[in-house]
C-alpha atoms as a PDB file:
ATOM      1  CA  MET A   1      93.755 185.235  67.084  1.00  0.00           C
ATOM      2  CA  GLU A   2      97.036 183.384  66.624  1.00  0.00           C
ATOM      3  CA  GLN A   3      98.159 184.358  70.096  1.00  0.00           C
ATOM      4  CA  LEU A   4      94.911 182.997  71.555  1.00  0.00           C
ATOM      5  CA  ALA A   5      95.481 179.659  69.802  1.00  0.00           C
ATOM      6  CA  MET A   6      98.958 179.433  71.325  1.00  0.00           C
ATOM      7  CA  GLN A   7      97.523 179.697  74.864  1.00  0.00           C
ATOM      8  CA  PHE A   8      95.746 176.352  74.593  1.00  0.00           C
ATOM      9  CA  PRO A   9      97.379 172.995  73.846  1.00  0.00           C
ATOM     10  CA  GLU A  10      96.713 171.617  70.368  1.00  0.00           C
ATOM     11  CA  TRP A  11      94.662 168.711  71.709  1.00  0.00           C
ATOM     12  CA  THR A  12      92.050 171.125  73.105  1.00  0.00           C
ATOM     13  CA  ARG A  13      91.280 172.548  69.674  1.00  0.00           C
ATOM     14  CA  VAL A  14      88.743 169.993  68.478  1.00  0.00           C
ATOM     15  CA  ALA A  15      85.175 170.009  67.219  1.00  0.00           C
ATOM     16  CA  GLU A  16      82.416 169.860  69.798  1.00  0.00           C
ATOM     17  CA  VAL A  17      79.994 166.949  69.519  1.00  0.00           C
ATOM     18  CA  GLU A  18      76.487 167.521  70.801  1.00  0.00           C
ATOM     19  CA  LEU A  19      73.811 164.860  71.231  1.00  0.00           C
ATOM     20  CA  ILE A  20      70.279 166.191  70.963  1.00  0.00           C
ATOM     21  CA  TYR A  21      66.966 164.474  70.321  1.00  0.00           C
ATOM     22  CA  LYS A  22      64.128 166.812  69.394  1.00  0.00           C
ATOM     23  CA  THR A  23      60.678 165.763  68.366  1.00  0.00           C
ATOM     24  CA  THR A  24      57.410 167.529  67.754  1.00  0.00           C
ATOM     25  CA  VAL A  25      55.418 164.309  67.442  1.00  0.00           C
ATOM     26  CA  LYS A  26      53.642 163.048  70.540  1.00  0.00           C
ATOM     27  CA  PRO A  27      54.265 159.363  71.374  1.00  0.00           C
ATOM     28  CA  SER A  28      50.570 158.591  70.850  1.00  0.00           C
ATOM     29  CA  GLN A  29      50.758 159.960  67.288  1.00  0.00           C
ATOM     30  CA  ARG A  30      53.679 157.814  66.123  1.00  0.00           C
ATOM     31  CA  PRO A  31      52.862 154.938  63.768  1.00  0.00           C
ATOM     32  CA  LYS A  32      53.285 151.474  65.258  1.00  0.00           C
ATOM     33  CA  ILE A  33      54.724 148.607  63.250  1.00  0.00           C
ATOM     34  CA  ASN A  34      52.791 145.398  63.978  1.00  0.00           C
ATOM     35  CA  SER A  35      53.579 143.502  60.794  1.00  0.00           C
ATOM     36  CA  VAL A  36      55.575 143.582  57.578  1.00  0.00           C
ATOM     37  CA  LYS A  37      52.429 144.724  55.791  1.00  0.00           C
ATOM     38  CA  ASP A  38      52.148 147.734  58.148  1.00  0.00           C
ATOM     39  CA  CYS A  39      55.765 148.523  57.411  1.00  0.00           C
ATOM     40  CA  TYR A  40      55.279 148.272  53.646  1.00  0.00           C
ATOM     41  CA  GLU A  41      52.236 150.565  53.775  1.00  0.00           C
ATOM     42  CA  LEU A  42      54.194 153.170  55.730  1.00  0.00           C
ATOM     43  CA  LEU A  43      57.211 152.886  53.424  1.00  0.00           C
ATOM     44  CA  LYS A  44      55.022 153.332  50.332  1.00  0.00           C
ATOM     45  CA  GLU A  45      53.795 156.608  51.826  1.00  0.00           C
ATOM     46  CA  LEU A  46      57.384 157.721  52.403  1.00  0.00           C
ATOM     47  CA  TRP A  47      58.484 157.019  48.820  1.00  0.00           C
ATOM     48  CA  ASP A  48      57.773 159.494  46.072  1.00  0.00           C
ATOM     49  CA  GLU A  49      55.496 157.618  43.663  1.00  0.00           C
ATOM     50  CA  ASN A  50      57.039 159.590  40.792  1.00  0.00           C
ATOM     51  CA  THR A  51      60.548 158.244  41.464  1.00  0.00           C
ATOM     52  CA  ILE A  52      60.028 154.785  42.990  1.00  0.00           C
ATOM     53  CA  GLU A  53      60.473 153.187  39.545  1.00  0.00           C
ATOM     54  CA  MET A  54      63.239 155.562  38.503  1.00  0.00           C
ATOM     55  CA  GLN A  55      65.727 156.047  41.348  1.00  0.00           C
ATOM     56  CA  GLU A  56      66.960 153.636  43.996  1.00  0.00           C
ATOM     57  CA  GLN A  57      66.836 154.994  47.542  1.00  0.00           C
ATOM     58  CA  PHE A  58      67.690 153.584  50.965  1.00  0.00           C
ATOM     59  CA  LYS A  59      65.673 154.553  54.048  1.00  0.00           C
ATOM     60  CA  VAL A  60      65.762 153.407  57.644  1.00  0.00           C
ATOM     61  CA  LEU A  61      62.843 153.339  60.054  1.00  0.00           C
ATOM     62  CA  LEU A  62      64.009 154.107  63.598  1.00  0.00           C
ATOM     63  CA  LEU A  63      61.871 152.441  66.266  1.00  0.00           C
ATOM     64  CA  ASN A  64      61.459 152.703  70.022  1.00  0.00           C
ATOM     65  CA  ARG A  65      60.903 149.818  72.408  1.00  0.00           C
ATOM     66  CA  GLY A  66      57.177 149.692  71.575  1.00  0.00           C
ATOM     67  CA  ASN A  67      57.847 149.359  67.803  1.00  0.00           C
ATOM     68  CA  LYS A  68      56.674 152.922  67.238  1.00  0.00           C
ATOM     69  CA  VAL A  69      58.467 154.868  64.538  1.00  0.00           C
ATOM     70  CA  ILE A  70      60.440 157.690  66.125  1.00  0.00           C
ATOM     71  CA  GLY A  71      62.055 158.753  62.881  1.00  0.00           C
ATOM     72  CA  VAL A  72      62.976 158.020  59.292  1.00  0.00           C
ATOM     73  CA  TYR A  73      66.547 158.345  58.103  1.00  0.00           C
ATOM     74  CA  GLU A  74      67.023 158.801  54.368  1.00  0.00           C
ATOM     75  CA  ALA A  75      70.396 157.108  54.066  1.00  0.00           C
ATOM     76  CA  SER A  76      71.021 157.493  50.345  1.00  0.00           C
ATOM     77  CA  SER A  77      69.708 158.173  46.874  1.00  0.00           C
ATOM     78  CA  GLY A  78      71.363 156.683  43.864  1.00  0.00           C
ATOM     79  CA  GLY A  79      70.623 155.952  40.274  1.00  0.00           C
ATOM     80  CA  LEU A  80      68.500 153.522  38.337  1.00  0.00           C
ATOM     81  CA  THR A  81      70.466 150.417  39.315  1.00  0.00           C
ATOM     82  CA  GLY A  82      71.858 151.103  42.769  1.00  0.00           C
ATOM     83  CA  THR A  83      72.601 153.286  45.752  1.00  0.00           C
ATOM     84  CA  VAL A  84      75.325 153.210  48.397  1.00  0.00           C
ATOM     85  CA  ALA A  85      74.179 153.182  52.024  1.00  0.00           C
ATOM     86  CA  ASP A  86      76.931 153.922  54.553  1.00  0.00           C
ATOM     87  CA  PRO A  87      76.569 151.675  57.638  1.00  0.00           C
ATOM     88  CA  ARG A  88      78.334 154.247  59.838  1.00  0.00           C
ATOM     89  CA  LEU A  89      75.790 156.940  59.016  1.00  0.00           C
ATOM     90  CA  ILE A  90      72.892 154.526  59.524  1.00  0.00           C
ATOM     91  CA  LEU A  91      74.197 153.529  62.936  1.00  0.00           C
ATOM     92  CA  ALA A  92      74.913 157.149  63.845  1.00  0.00           C
ATOM     93  CA  ALA A  93      71.263 157.999  63.091  1.00  0.00           C
ATOM     94  CA  ALA A  94      70.031 155.021  65.125  1.00  0.00           C
ATOM     95  CA  ILE A  95      72.220 155.866  68.100  1.00  0.00           C
ATOM     96  CA  LYS A  96      71.453 159.583  68.008  1.00  0.00           C
ATOM     97  CA  SER A  97      67.706 158.942  67.879  1.00  0.00           C
ATOM     98  CA  LEU A  98      67.964 156.423  70.748  1.00  0.00           C
ATOM     99  CA  ALA A  99      66.391 153.741  68.544  1.00  0.00           C
ATOM    100  CA  VAL A 100      66.073 150.284  70.074  1.00  0.00           C
ATOM    101  CA  SER A 101      65.554 148.688  66.675  1.00  0.00           C
ATOM    102  CA  ILE A 102      65.685 149.596  63.009  1.00  0.00           C
ATOM    103  CA  ILE A 103      64.078 148.459  59.785  1.00  0.00           C
ATOM    104  CA  LEU A 104      66.201 148.823  56.673  1.00  0.00           C
ATOM    105  CA  SER A 105      64.497 149.449  53.356  1.00  0.00           C
ATOM    106  CA  HIS A 106      65.260 150.253  49.780  1.00  0.00           C
ATOM    107  CA  ASN A 107      63.420 150.154  46.494  1.00  0.00           C
ATOM    108  CA  HIS A 108      64.216 148.318  43.282  1.00  0.00           C
ATOM    109  CA  PRO A 109      63.185 150.541  40.347  1.00  0.00           C
ATOM    110  CA  SER A 110      63.253 147.474  38.070  1.00  0.00           C
ATOM    111  CA  GLY A 111      60.332 145.938  39.964  1.00  0.00           C
ATOM    112  CA  ASN A 112      62.420 142.847  40.764  1.00  0.00           C
ATOM    113  CA  LEU A 113      61.965 141.911  44.423  1.00  0.00           C
ATOM    114  CA  LYS A 114      64.903 139.484  44.618  1.00  0.00           C
ATOM    115  CA  PRO A 115      67.725 140.805  46.837  1.00  0.00           C
ATOM    116  CA  SER A 116      71.187 141.110  45.345  1.00  0.00           C
ATOM    117  CA  ARG A 117      74.283 139.656  46.980  1.00  0.00           C
ATOM    118  CA  ALA A 118      75.239 143.234  47.969  1.00  0.00           C
ATOM    119  CA  ASP A 119      71.810 143.651  49.637  1.00  0.00           C
ATOM    120  CA  GLU A 120      72.376 140.485  51.662  1.00  0.00           C
ATOM    121  CA  GLU A 121      75.922 141.456  52.655  1.00  0.00           C
ATOM    122  CA  LEU A 122      74.926 144.957  53.765  1.00  0.00           C
ATOM    123  CA  THR A 123      72.056 143.537  55.814  1.00  0.00           C
ATOM    124  CA  GLN A 124      74.343 141.116  57.661  1.00  0.00           C
ATOM    125  CA  LYS A 125      77.003 143.780  58.174  1.00  0.00           C
ATOM    126  CA  LEU A 126      74.456 146.176  59.699  1.00  0.00           C
ATOM    127  CA  LYS A 127      72.895 143.433  61.813  1.00  0.00           C
ATOM    128  CA  VAL A 128      76.255 142.586  63.398  1.00  0.00           C
ATOM    129  CA  ALA A 129      77.365 146.207  63.811  1.00  0.00           C
ATOM    130  CA  ALA A 130      74.033 147.268  65.321  1.00  0.00           C
ATOM    131  CA  SER A 131      74.115 144.376  67.791  1.00  0.00           C
ATOM    132  CA  TYR A 132      77.265 145.846  69.354  1.00  0.00           C
ATOM    133  CA  HIS A 133      75.121 148.834  70.328  1.00  0.00           C
ATOM    134  CA  ASP A 134      72.142 146.743  71.488  1.00  0.00           C
ATOM    135  CA  ILE A 135      70.162 147.821  68.437  1.00  0.00           C
ATOM    136  CA  ARG A 136      68.183 145.130  66.623  1.00  0.00           C
ATOM    137  CA  VAL A 137      67.773 145.020  62.868  1.00  0.00           C
ATOM    138  CA  ILE A 138      64.189 143.773  62.690  1.00  0.00           C
ATOM    139  CA  ASP A 139      63.941 143.537  58.919  1.00  0.00           C
ATOM    140  CA  HIS A 140      65.231 144.699  55.569  1.00  0.00           C
ATOM    141  CA  ILE A 141      62.414 145.307  53.146  1.00  0.00           C
ATOM    142  CA  ILE A 142      62.797 145.749  49.413  1.00  0.00           C
ATOM    143  CA  ILE A 143      59.843 147.619  47.982  1.00  0.00           C
ATOM    144  CA  THR A 144      58.432 148.246  44.544  1.00  0.00           C
ATOM    145  CA  SER A 145      55.271 150.009  43.493  1.00  0.00           C
ATOM    146  CA  GLU A 146      53.516 146.609  43.466  1.00  0.00           C
ATOM    147  CA  GLY A 147      54.923 144.641  46.373  1.00  0.00           C
ATOM    148  CA  TYR A 148      57.679 143.919  48.852  1.00  0.00           C
ATOM    149  CA  TYR A 149      60.282 141.383  49.920  1.00  0.00           C
ATOM    150  CA  SER A 150      61.000 140.890  53.618  1.00  0.00           C
ATOM    151  CA  PHE A 151      64.372 139.483  54.683  1.00  0.00           C
ATOM    152  CA  ALA A 152      62.837 138.471  58.016  1.00  0.00           C
ATOM    153  CA  ASP A 153      59.925 136.615  56.383  1.00  0.00           C
ATOM    154  CA  GLU A 154      62.375 134.783  54.129  1.00  0.00           C
ATOM    155  CA  GLY A 155      64.629 133.743  57.028  1.00  0.00           C
ATOM    156  CA  LEU A 156      67.572 135.902  55.969  1.00  0.00           C
ATOM    157  CA  LEU A 157      67.809 137.665  59.339  1.00  0.00           C
END
């Protein structure tokens, strides 16, 4: 094995990266986002009702050009008061799925719909980073079991 490794230059011994997009959902069966309310209803279905008031999670809806959801990326799960969403992983998911736009979302177990400064900073950071890849951040929605807060509706995007 060692002799085989010596036959090839060191720079050729790297990991292979493969881009694949597989789906079993027909385009006609994908949910379409027409409004923030549609988005909230879909997100509520995606959240476990037993943990929405217990554990903060961050999810990303990946959309095609027709605002149909082509996938959901569960970016992170945290504790009662926060979670850390890595922008690089979010963008990797968006690029790999060929998303044209994304909707960021996370829950506030406390029931408070007001975004934190960290929420606002992450949103802006992702908006700028995504724009370099021609991906639009349509909204960032904070959800609770009783309602939602839309960054787009509040003029924060």
